[in-house]
Amino acid sequence: MTDVERPYVPARQLNSPWPLIDSDPHFKRVIKYARTSDYLDGGISAACGPGLMLLWEKIAPSYVGRGGFASIMRLTGAISITGGFIIFYSRSIIRFYGLRENKREVDMDMREMVDKVKKGQSLYGKSSLSTYMQGVASRNSRYSGVFLHVLPWFNFVNHQQHGVDTAKYYQQAERELEAERSGSA
C-alpha cells in the first residue's frame, strides 16, 4: 500500500491562561521536564499505600500466617508505585497542555528547540514510521494525559504533529544568531 497524502487533523486548542507547549509530548520529554514537586508528589503517593497497610496491620492485625503479609505488601507496593508514577507523570504532562502554570517548561522548551534549530536537527526527532502512521500515533495519544488516571497511554513515537507553530523556534534562533554575529563583529 502506498503512502497516500491524507488530510491533516490539527490539534484542538484548549482554553487555558497558560501557553500550550505540546499537545502530544514524547514520554522522554515529559520525564525530563518534570519538577521536583512532581517527584515528591509521586513518591509520597507511592509510599502511602504500604504505609497505610503497615498502620492497619498494627491497629487491627490480620493474622494471615507466615509469609501472608509479605505478599500483601508486595502487591500493595506494586500498585502504589504504579499509582505514584501516574500522579508524577500526569502533573508533569498537564503543564505541557498549558493547564497549569508552565513558565519554567516554556523556557526549557524554547531553549531546547532553538538549540536543535541551530544544530540543524529535527525538532521532534526522527521516525522510521510513515507519515500516515505518525499521524495515527499522534491522534491516538494527543491530550492522553488528561485521561491518564483511567487509561495510561504514553507517546513513544517521534512525529511532527504537536499542535504548536514551530516558526517561533526558527525566529528565535535567527535572532540569537544575528545577536551573536553583531556581538562578535
N, C-alpha and C. Protein backbone atom coordinates (compact mmCIF):
# COMPACT_ATOMS: atom_id res chain seq x y z
N MET A 1 0.84 -1.18 0.00
CA MET A 1 0.00 0.00 0.00
C MET A 1 0.89 1.24 0.00
N THR A 2 0.58 2.20 -0.81
CA THR A 2 1.39 3.40 -0.90
C THR A 2 1.00 4.39 0.18
N ASP A 3 1.93 5.28 0.45
CA ASP A 3 1.70 6.31 1.45
C ASP A 3 0.98 7.48 0.78
N VAL A 4 -0.33 7.44 0.77
CA VAL A 4 -1.15 8.46 0.12
C VAL A 4 -1.27 9.67 1.04
N GLU A 5 -1.23 10.87 0.44
CA GLU A 5 -1.38 12.09 1.24
C GLU A 5 -2.80 12.14 1.81
N ARG A 6 -2.90 12.21 3.10
CA ARG A 6 -4.18 12.24 3.78
C ARG A 6 -4.37 13.61 4.42
N PRO A 7 -5.61 13.99 4.68
CA PRO A 7 -5.84 15.30 5.30
C PRO A 7 -5.23 15.37 6.70
N TYR A 8 -4.67 16.52 7.01
CA TYR A 8 -4.06 16.76 8.31
C TYR A 8 -5.16 17.13 9.31
N VAL A 9 -5.17 16.46 10.46
CA VAL A 9 -6.13 16.76 11.51
C VAL A 9 -5.41 17.60 12.56
N PRO A 10 -5.71 18.91 12.64
CA PRO A 10 -4.99 19.75 13.59
C PRO A 10 -5.39 19.45 15.03
N ALA A 11 -4.47 19.73 15.94
CA ALA A 11 -4.74 19.52 17.36
C ALA A 11 -5.71 20.59 17.85
N ARG A 12 -6.59 20.19 18.70
CA ARG A 12 -7.56 21.11 19.28
C ARG A 12 -6.86 22.01 20.30
N GLN A 13 -7.21 23.26 20.30
CA GLN A 13 -6.64 24.20 21.27
C GLN A 13 -7.55 24.26 22.49
N LEU A 14 -6.98 24.06 23.66
CA LEU A 14 -7.74 24.14 24.90
C LEU A 14 -7.78 25.57 25.39
N ASN A 15 -8.85 25.91 26.08
CA ASN A 15 -8.97 27.22 26.70
C ASN A 15 -8.14 27.22 27.97
N SER A 16 -7.09 28.00 28.01
CA SER A 16 -6.20 27.98 29.16
C SER A 16 -5.48 29.32 29.28
N PRO A 17 -5.23 29.76 30.51
CA PRO A 17 -4.49 31.02 30.69
C PRO A 17 -3.00 30.89 30.40
N TRP A 18 -2.49 29.66 30.28
CA TRP A 18 -1.07 29.45 30.03
C TRP A 18 -0.87 28.89 28.63
N PRO A 19 0.29 29.11 28.03
CA PRO A 19 0.51 28.68 26.64
C PRO A 19 0.67 27.16 26.50
N LEU A 20 0.20 26.66 25.36
CA LEU A 20 0.38 25.26 25.02
C LEU A 20 1.84 25.06 24.59
N ILE A 21 2.49 24.09 25.17
CA ILE A 21 3.87 23.76 24.78
C ILE A 21 3.84 22.65 23.74
N ASP A 22 3.02 21.63 24.00
CA ASP A 22 2.98 20.45 23.14
C ASP A 22 1.71 19.68 23.46
N SER A 23 0.90 19.39 22.43
CA SER A 23 -0.34 18.64 22.67
C SER A 23 -0.10 17.13 22.72
N ASP A 24 1.09 16.69 22.34
CA ASP A 24 1.41 15.27 22.35
C ASP A 24 2.90 15.08 22.63
N PRO A 25 3.35 15.42 23.84
CA PRO A 25 4.79 15.33 24.12
C PRO A 25 5.27 13.89 24.21
N HIS A 26 6.50 13.69 23.78
CA HIS A 26 7.14 12.37 23.86
C HIS A 26 7.36 12.02 25.33
N PHE A 27 7.30 10.75 25.64
CA PHE A 27 7.47 10.24 27.01
C PHE A 27 8.73 10.80 27.67
N LYS A 28 9.84 10.80 26.92
CA LYS A 28 11.12 11.25 27.47
C LYS A 28 11.08 12.74 27.84
N ARG A 29 10.39 13.55 27.02
CA ARG A 29 10.30 14.98 27.32
C ARG A 29 9.50 15.23 28.59
N VAL A 30 8.43 14.48 28.79
CA VAL A 30 7.61 14.66 29.99
C VAL A 30 8.44 14.34 31.23
N ILE A 31 9.21 13.28 31.18
CA ILE A 31 10.06 12.90 32.31
C ILE A 31 11.15 13.96 32.52
N LYS A 32 11.77 14.41 31.43
CA LYS A 32 12.87 15.37 31.52
C LYS A 32 12.41 16.73 32.06
N TYR A 33 11.19 17.14 31.75
CA TYR A 33 10.70 18.46 32.17
C TYR A 33 10.03 18.43 33.55
N ALA A 34 9.96 17.28 34.19
CA ALA A 34 9.29 17.17 35.49
C ALA A 34 9.99 18.02 36.54
N ARG A 35 9.20 18.58 37.42
CA ARG A 35 9.74 19.40 38.52
C ARG A 35 9.97 18.53 39.75
N THR A 36 10.73 19.07 40.69
CA THR A 36 10.99 18.36 41.94
C THR A 36 9.69 18.08 42.68
N SER A 37 8.75 19.02 42.62
CA SER A 37 7.47 18.82 43.29
C SER A 37 6.70 17.64 42.68
N ASP A 38 6.87 17.40 41.39
CA ASP A 38 6.23 16.24 40.76
C ASP A 38 6.80 14.94 41.33
N TYR A 39 8.13 14.90 41.46
CA TYR A 39 8.77 13.72 42.03
C TYR A 39 8.31 13.50 43.47
N LEU A 40 8.23 14.59 44.24
CA LEU A 40 7.79 14.46 45.63
C LEU A 40 6.35 13.97 45.73
N ASP A 41 5.47 14.54 44.94
CA ASP A 41 4.07 14.12 44.98
C ASP A 41 3.92 12.65 44.59
N GLY A 42 4.62 12.24 43.54
CA GLY A 42 4.56 10.84 43.13
C GLY A 42 5.15 9.92 44.18
N GLY A 43 6.28 10.31 44.76
CA GLY A 43 6.93 9.49 45.77
C GLY A 43 6.12 9.36 47.05
N ILE A 44 5.54 10.48 47.49
CA ILE A 44 4.71 10.44 48.69
C ILE A 44 3.47 9.60 48.45
N SER A 45 2.88 9.76 47.28
CA SER A 45 1.69 8.96 46.95
C SER A 45 2.03 7.47 46.90
N ALA A 46 3.18 7.14 46.34
CA ALA A 46 3.60 5.73 46.26
C ALA A 46 3.87 5.16 47.65
N ALA A 47 4.37 5.97 48.56
CA ALA A 47 4.68 5.49 49.91
C ALA A 47 3.44 5.35 50.79
N CYS A 48 2.36 6.02 50.42
CA CYS A 48 1.14 5.98 51.25
C CYS A 48 0.52 4.58 51.32
N GLY A 49 0.51 3.87 50.22
CA GLY A 49 -0.11 2.54 50.22
C GLY A 49 0.52 1.58 51.21
N PRO A 50 1.81 1.31 51.08
CA PRO A 50 2.45 0.41 52.05
C PRO A 50 2.42 0.97 53.47
N GLY A 51 2.53 2.30 53.59
CA GLY A 51 2.48 2.91 54.92
C GLY A 51 1.14 2.69 55.60
N LEU A 52 0.06 2.88 54.85
CA LEU A 52 -1.27 2.64 55.41
C LEU A 52 -1.48 1.16 55.72
N MET A 53 -0.95 0.29 54.89
CA MET A 53 -1.09 -1.15 55.13
C MET A 53 -0.38 -1.55 56.43
N LEU A 54 0.82 -0.99 56.66
CA LEU A 54 1.52 -1.26 57.91
C LEU A 54 0.75 -0.71 59.10
N LEU A 55 0.19 0.48 58.96
CA LEU A 55 -0.59 1.09 60.04
C LEU A 55 -1.81 0.23 60.37
N TRP A 56 -2.52 -0.22 59.33
CA TRP A 56 -3.69 -1.06 59.56
C TRP A 56 -3.31 -2.38 60.21
N GLU A 57 -2.15 -2.90 59.84
CA GLU A 57 -1.70 -4.16 60.44
C GLU A 57 -1.39 -3.97 61.92
N LYS A 58 -0.89 -2.80 62.30
CA LYS A 58 -0.61 -2.52 63.71
C LYS A 58 -1.90 -2.32 64.49
N ILE A 59 -2.87 -1.61 63.88
CA ILE A 59 -4.13 -1.32 64.56
C ILE A 59 -5.00 -2.56 64.68
N ALA A 60 -5.15 -3.26 63.57
CA ALA A 60 -6.00 -4.46 63.55
C ALA A 60 -5.25 -5.58 62.82
N PRO A 61 -4.46 -6.37 63.54
CA PRO A 61 -3.66 -7.42 62.89
C PRO A 61 -4.53 -8.40 62.10
N SER A 62 -4.01 -8.83 60.97
CA SER A 62 -4.77 -9.72 60.09
C SER A 62 -4.57 -11.19 60.43
N TYR A 63 -3.48 -11.53 61.10
CA TYR A 63 -3.17 -12.91 61.47
C TYR A 63 -3.19 -13.85 60.25
N VAL A 64 -2.62 -13.39 59.13
CA VAL A 64 -2.64 -14.19 57.90
C VAL A 64 -1.64 -15.34 57.92
N GLY A 65 -0.81 -15.40 58.89
CA GLY A 65 0.14 -16.50 58.96
C GLY A 65 1.47 -16.13 58.34
N ARG A 66 2.37 -17.11 58.36
CA ARG A 66 3.73 -16.86 57.91
C ARG A 66 3.77 -16.58 56.41
N GLY A 67 4.35 -15.45 56.00
CA GLY A 67 4.52 -15.10 54.60
C GLY A 67 3.30 -14.46 53.95
N GLY A 68 2.18 -14.49 54.60
CA GLY A 68 0.97 -13.91 54.01
C GLY A 68 1.03 -12.40 53.91
N PHE A 69 1.53 -11.78 54.95
CA PHE A 69 1.59 -10.31 54.95
C PHE A 69 2.63 -9.79 53.95
N ALA A 70 3.70 -10.56 53.75
CA ALA A 70 4.74 -10.13 52.80
C ALA A 70 4.18 -10.05 51.38
N SER A 71 3.38 -11.02 50.98
CA SER A 71 2.82 -10.97 49.63
C SER A 71 1.81 -9.83 49.50
N ILE A 72 1.07 -9.56 50.55
CA ILE A 72 0.14 -8.42 50.53
C ILE A 72 0.92 -7.11 50.38
N MET A 73 2.04 -7.01 51.08
CA MET A 73 2.86 -5.79 51.00
C MET A 73 3.49 -5.64 49.61
N ARG A 74 3.90 -6.75 48.99
CA ARG A 74 4.45 -6.68 47.63
C ARG A 74 3.41 -6.17 46.65
N LEU A 75 2.20 -6.71 46.75
CA LEU A 75 1.12 -6.27 45.87
C LEU A 75 0.77 -4.81 46.12
N THR A 76 0.67 -4.43 47.37
CA THR A 76 0.39 -3.04 47.72
C THR A 76 1.49 -2.12 47.21
N GLY A 77 2.73 -2.55 47.35
CA GLY A 77 3.86 -1.76 46.86
C GLY A 77 3.81 -1.58 45.35
N ALA A 78 3.52 -2.64 44.61
CA ALA A 78 3.44 -2.56 43.15
C ALA A 78 2.32 -1.62 42.71
N ILE A 79 1.16 -1.76 43.32
CA ILE A 79 0.03 -0.88 42.98
C ILE A 79 0.35 0.56 43.33
N SER A 80 0.97 0.77 44.48
CA SER A 80 1.30 2.13 44.92
C SER A 80 2.36 2.78 44.04
N ILE A 81 3.36 2.02 43.64
CA ILE A 81 4.39 2.56 42.75
C ILE A 81 3.78 2.94 41.41
N THR A 82 2.90 2.11 40.89
CA THR A 82 2.21 2.43 39.63
C THR A 82 1.38 3.70 39.78
N GLY A 83 0.62 3.78 40.86
CA GLY A 83 -0.18 4.98 41.10
C GLY A 83 0.67 6.22 41.30
N GLY A 84 1.77 6.08 42.02
CA GLY A 84 2.68 7.22 42.23
C GLY A 84 3.29 7.70 40.93
N PHE A 85 3.65 6.76 40.04
CA PHE A 85 4.19 7.16 38.74
C PHE A 85 3.15 7.89 37.91
N ILE A 86 1.92 7.41 37.94
CA ILE A 86 0.85 8.07 37.17
C ILE A 86 0.61 9.48 37.70
N ILE A 87 0.63 9.67 39.01
CA ILE A 87 0.47 11.01 39.58
C ILE A 87 1.63 11.90 39.15
N PHE A 88 2.86 11.39 39.27
CA PHE A 88 4.04 12.14 38.85
C PHE A 88 3.95 12.54 37.38
N TYR A 89 3.63 11.59 36.52
CA TYR A 89 3.59 11.82 35.07
C TYR A 89 2.47 12.79 34.70
N SER A 90 1.31 12.62 35.32
CA SER A 90 0.19 13.49 34.97
C SER A 90 0.43 14.93 35.41
N ARG A 91 1.08 15.13 36.54
CA ARG A 91 1.39 16.51 36.98
C ARG A 91 2.35 17.17 36.00
N SER A 92 3.28 16.41 35.46
CA SER A 92 4.24 16.96 34.51
C SER A 92 3.60 17.23 33.15
N ILE A 93 2.80 16.30 32.64
CA ILE A 93 2.24 16.44 31.30
C ILE A 93 1.17 17.54 31.23
N ILE A 94 0.49 17.77 32.34
CA ILE A 94 -0.55 18.81 32.36
C ILE A 94 0.05 20.18 32.05
N ARG A 95 1.31 20.38 32.44
CA ARG A 95 1.97 21.66 32.14
C ARG A 95 2.25 21.81 30.65
N PHE A 96 2.49 20.72 29.95
CA PHE A 96 2.68 20.79 28.50
C PHE A 96 1.41 21.29 27.82
N TYR A 97 0.27 20.91 28.36
CA TYR A 97 -1.01 21.31 27.77
C TYR A 97 -1.39 22.74 28.13
N GLY A 98 -0.67 23.35 29.05
CA GLY A 98 -0.99 24.71 29.47
C GLY A 98 -2.13 24.76 30.46
N LEU A 99 -2.40 23.66 31.15
CA LEU A 99 -3.49 23.64 32.12
C LEU A 99 -3.03 24.02 33.52
N ARG A 100 -1.73 24.18 33.69
CA ARG A 100 -1.13 24.65 34.94
C ARG A 100 -0.04 25.65 34.59
N GLU A 101 0.39 26.40 35.58
CA GLU A 101 1.46 27.36 35.38
C GLU A 101 2.67 26.63 34.80
N ASN A 102 3.24 27.16 33.69
CA ASN A 102 4.30 26.42 32.99
C ASN A 102 5.42 27.32 32.46
N LYS A 103 5.69 28.42 33.14
CA LYS A 103 6.74 29.33 32.68
C LYS A 103 8.08 28.63 32.54
N ARG A 104 8.45 27.83 33.54
CA ARG A 104 9.74 27.11 33.50
C ARG A 104 9.80 26.18 32.30
N GLU A 105 8.72 25.45 32.04
CA GLU A 105 8.69 24.50 30.93
C GLU A 105 8.71 25.21 29.58
N VAL A 106 8.04 26.36 29.48
CA VAL A 106 8.06 27.15 28.24
C VAL A 106 9.49 27.58 27.93
N ASP A 107 10.19 28.06 28.95
CA ASP A 107 11.59 28.48 28.76
C ASP A 107 12.48 27.30 28.38
N MET A 108 12.29 26.15 29.05
CA MET A 108 13.09 24.96 28.72
C MET A 108 12.81 24.50 27.30
N ASP A 109 11.54 24.53 26.90
CA ASP A 109 11.15 24.12 25.55
C ASP A 109 11.79 25.03 24.51
N MET A 110 11.71 26.34 24.73
CA MET A 110 12.30 27.29 23.78
C MET A 110 13.80 27.06 23.66
N ARG A 111 14.48 26.89 24.79
CA ARG A 111 15.93 26.67 24.77
C ARG A 111 16.27 25.38 24.02
N GLU A 112 15.56 24.30 24.33
CA GLU A 112 15.84 23.01 23.69
C GLU A 112 15.62 23.08 22.18
N MET A 113 14.49 23.66 21.77
CA MET A 113 14.16 23.69 20.35
C MET A 113 15.06 24.65 19.56
N VAL A 114 15.39 25.78 20.14
CA VAL A 114 16.28 26.73 19.47
C VAL A 114 17.66 26.10 19.29
N ASP A 115 18.13 25.38 20.29
CA ASP A 115 19.42 24.69 20.17
C ASP A 115 19.38 23.65 19.05
N LYS A 116 18.26 22.95 18.92
CA LYS A 116 18.12 21.97 17.83
C LYS A 116 18.11 22.66 16.47
N VAL A 117 17.43 23.81 16.39
CA VAL A 117 17.41 24.56 15.12
C VAL A 117 18.81 25.00 14.75
N LYS A 118 19.56 25.51 15.72
CA LYS A 118 20.93 25.97 15.46
C LYS A 118 21.83 24.83 14.99
N LYS A 119 21.60 23.61 15.51
CA LYS A 119 22.40 22.46 15.11
C LYS A 119 21.90 21.81 13.83
N GLY A 120 20.75 22.27 13.33
CA GLY A 120 20.18 21.70 12.11
C GLY A 120 19.49 20.37 12.32
N GLN A 121 19.10 20.08 13.54
CA GLN A 121 18.42 18.81 13.85
C GLN A 121 16.91 18.95 13.68
N SER A 122 16.26 17.82 13.54
CA SER A 122 14.80 17.80 13.51
C SER A 122 14.28 18.18 14.90
N LEU A 123 13.25 19.02 14.95
CA LEU A 123 12.75 19.49 16.24
C LEU A 123 12.25 18.36 17.13
N TYR A 124 11.52 17.45 16.57
CA TYR A 124 10.90 16.40 17.38
C TYR A 124 11.47 15.02 17.12
N GLY A 125 12.65 14.95 16.56
CA GLY A 125 13.32 13.67 16.36
C GLY A 125 12.95 13.00 15.05
N LYS A 126 13.69 11.97 14.72
CA LYS A 126 13.47 11.19 13.50
C LYS A 126 12.54 10.02 13.82
N SER A 127 11.82 9.58 12.80
CA SER A 127 10.93 8.43 12.97
C SER A 127 11.06 7.49 11.78
N SER A 128 10.97 6.21 12.04
CA SER A 128 11.02 5.22 10.97
C SER A 128 9.63 4.92 10.43
N LEU A 129 8.60 5.50 11.05
CA LEU A 129 7.22 5.28 10.61
C LEU A 129 6.88 6.16 9.41
N SER A 130 5.90 5.71 8.62
CA SER A 130 5.42 6.53 7.51
C SER A 130 4.68 7.75 8.07
N THR A 131 4.50 8.75 7.24
CA THR A 131 3.81 9.96 7.67
C THR A 131 2.40 9.63 8.17
N TYR A 132 1.74 8.72 7.47
CA TYR A 132 0.40 8.33 7.87
C TYR A 132 0.39 7.69 9.26
N MET A 133 1.32 6.78 9.51
CA MET A 133 1.37 6.10 10.81
C MET A 133 1.77 7.07 11.93
N GLN A 134 2.60 8.06 11.60
CA GLN A 134 2.92 9.09 12.59
C GLN A 134 1.66 9.86 12.97
N GLY A 135 0.83 10.16 11.97
CA GLY A 135 -0.44 10.85 12.22
C GLY A 135 -1.38 10.01 13.08
N VAL A 136 -1.43 8.72 12.80
CA VAL A 136 -2.26 7.82 13.60
C VAL A 136 -1.78 7.82 15.04
N ALA A 137 -0.48 7.71 15.24
CA ALA A 137 0.09 7.70 16.58
C ALA A 137 -0.22 9.02 17.30
N SER A 138 -0.10 10.11 16.58
CA SER A 138 -0.38 11.42 17.16
C SER A 138 -1.85 11.54 17.57
N ARG A 139 -2.74 11.15 16.69
CA ARG A 139 -4.16 11.26 17.00
C ARG A 139 -4.57 10.34 18.15
N ASN A 140 -3.90 9.21 18.30
CA ASN A 140 -4.24 8.29 19.38
C ASN A 140 -3.74 8.77 20.74
N SER A 141 -2.66 9.52 20.78
CA SER A 141 -2.10 9.91 22.08
C SER A 141 -2.21 11.40 22.37
N ARG A 142 -2.79 12.18 21.48
CA ARG A 142 -2.94 13.63 21.69
C ARG A 142 -3.83 13.88 22.90
N TYR A 143 -3.36 14.69 23.83
CA TYR A 143 -4.06 15.03 25.07
C TYR A 143 -4.42 13.80 25.91
N SER A 144 -3.68 12.72 25.75
CA SER A 144 -3.97 11.50 26.51
C SER A 144 -3.68 11.66 28.00
N GLY A 145 -2.86 12.63 28.36
CA GLY A 145 -2.54 12.86 29.76
C GLY A 145 -3.71 13.32 30.59
N VAL A 146 -4.73 13.87 29.96
CA VAL A 146 -5.91 14.32 30.68
C VAL A 146 -6.68 13.12 31.24
N PHE A 147 -6.64 12.00 30.54
CA PHE A 147 -7.38 10.80 30.91
C PHE A 147 -6.45 9.71 31.43
N LEU A 148 -5.26 10.11 31.84
CA LEU A 148 -4.21 9.16 32.23
C LEU A 148 -4.59 8.29 33.42
N HIS A 149 -5.37 8.82 34.33
CA HIS A 149 -5.76 8.08 35.54
C HIS A 149 -6.70 6.92 35.22
N VAL A 150 -7.34 6.96 34.04
CA VAL A 150 -8.25 5.88 33.64
C VAL A 150 -7.56 4.91 32.69
N LEU A 151 -6.86 5.47 31.69
CA LEU A 151 -6.18 4.65 30.69
C LEU A 151 -4.78 5.21 30.46
N PRO A 152 -3.77 4.64 31.11
CA PRO A 152 -2.40 5.14 30.89
C PRO A 152 -1.98 4.93 29.44
N TRP A 153 -1.75 6.03 28.73
CA TRP A 153 -1.42 5.98 27.31
C TRP A 153 -0.31 7.00 27.09
N PHE A 154 0.84 6.53 26.65
CA PHE A 154 2.01 7.40 26.52
C PHE A 154 2.40 7.51 25.05
N ASN A 155 3.07 8.60 24.70
CA ASN A 155 3.55 8.79 23.33
C ASN A 155 5.02 8.38 23.27
N PHE A 156 5.30 7.33 22.51
CA PHE A 156 6.67 6.87 22.30
C PHE A 156 7.12 7.09 20.86
N VAL A 157 6.31 7.80 20.07
CA VAL A 157 6.58 7.98 18.64
C VAL A 157 7.05 9.40 18.37
N ASN A 158 8.14 9.54 17.61
CA ASN A 158 8.57 10.85 17.14
C ASN A 158 7.74 11.21 15.91
N HIS A 159 7.11 12.37 15.94
CA HIS A 159 6.32 12.85 14.81
C HIS A 159 6.32 14.37 14.84
N GLN A 160 5.76 14.98 13.81
CA GLN A 160 5.80 16.44 13.69
C GLN A 160 4.46 17.10 14.02
N GLN A 161 3.52 16.39 14.57
CA GLN A 161 2.18 16.94 14.84
C GLN A 161 2.02 17.19 16.33
N HIS A 162 2.35 18.42 16.75
CA HIS A 162 2.35 18.72 18.18
C HIS A 162 1.44 19.89 18.55
N GLY A 163 0.70 20.42 17.59
CA GLY A 163 -0.28 21.44 17.90
C GLY A 163 0.27 22.82 18.18
N VAL A 164 1.55 23.06 17.86
CA VAL A 164 2.14 24.38 18.07
C VAL A 164 2.79 24.87 16.77
N ASP A 165 2.88 26.18 16.63
CA ASP A 165 3.53 26.76 15.47
C ASP A 165 5.04 26.76 15.73
N THR A 166 5.77 26.00 14.96
CA THR A 166 7.21 25.86 15.19
C THR A 166 8.01 27.04 14.65
N ALA A 167 7.35 27.97 13.97
CA ALA A 167 8.05 29.14 13.44
C ALA A 167 8.71 29.95 14.55
N LYS A 168 8.12 29.94 15.75
CA LYS A 168 8.69 30.72 16.85
C LYS A 168 10.11 30.25 17.20
N TYR A 169 10.37 28.96 17.05
CA TYR A 169 11.71 28.44 17.35
C TYR A 169 12.72 28.92 16.31
N TYR A 170 12.33 28.90 15.06
CA TYR A 170 13.22 29.35 13.99
C TYR A 170 13.47 30.86 14.08
N GLN A 171 12.44 31.62 14.41
CA GLN A 171 12.59 33.07 14.54
C GLN A 171 13.52 33.41 15.71
N GLN A 172 13.36 32.70 16.83
CA GLN A 172 14.23 32.94 17.97
C GLN A 172 15.67 32.55 17.65
N ALA A 173 15.86 31.47 16.93
CA ALA A 173 17.21 31.04 16.54
C ALA A 173 17.85 32.09 15.63
N GLU A 174 17.07 32.65 14.69
CA GLU A 174 17.59 33.70 13.82
C GLU A 174 18.01 34.92 14.63
N ARG A 175 17.17 35.33 15.61
CA ARG A 175 17.51 36.48 16.45
C ARG A 175 18.79 36.22 17.23
N GLU A 176 18.94 35.02 17.78
CA GLU A 176 20.14 34.70 18.56
C GLU A 176 21.38 34.64 17.68
N LEU A 177 21.25 34.06 16.48
CA LEU A 177 22.40 34.00 15.58
C LEU A 177 22.78 35.40 15.12
N GLU A 178 21.80 36.25 14.87
CA GLU A 178 22.09 37.64 14.47
C GLU A 178 22.77 38.39 15.62
N ALA A 179 22.31 38.18 16.84
CA ALA A 179 22.94 38.82 18.01
C ALA A 179 24.37 38.33 18.19
N GLU A 180 24.61 37.05 17.95
CA GLU A 180 25.97 36.51 18.05
C GLU A 180 26.87 37.12 16.99
N ARG A 181 26.34 37.26 15.76
CA ARG A 181 27.14 37.85 14.67
C ARG A 181 27.46 39.32 14.93
N SER A 182 26.46 40.08 15.38
CA SER A 182 26.67 41.50 15.63
C SER A 182 27.54 41.73 16.86
N GLY A 183 27.48 40.83 17.81
CA GLY A 183 28.30 40.92 19.03
C GLY A 183 29.76 40.61 18.77
N SER A 184 30.03 39.73 17.82
CA SER A 184 31.42 39.35 17.54
C SER A 184 32.08 40.24 16.48
N ALA A 185 31.25 41.05 15.78
CA ALA A 185 31.81 41.91 14.73
C ALA A 185 32.44 43.17 15.26
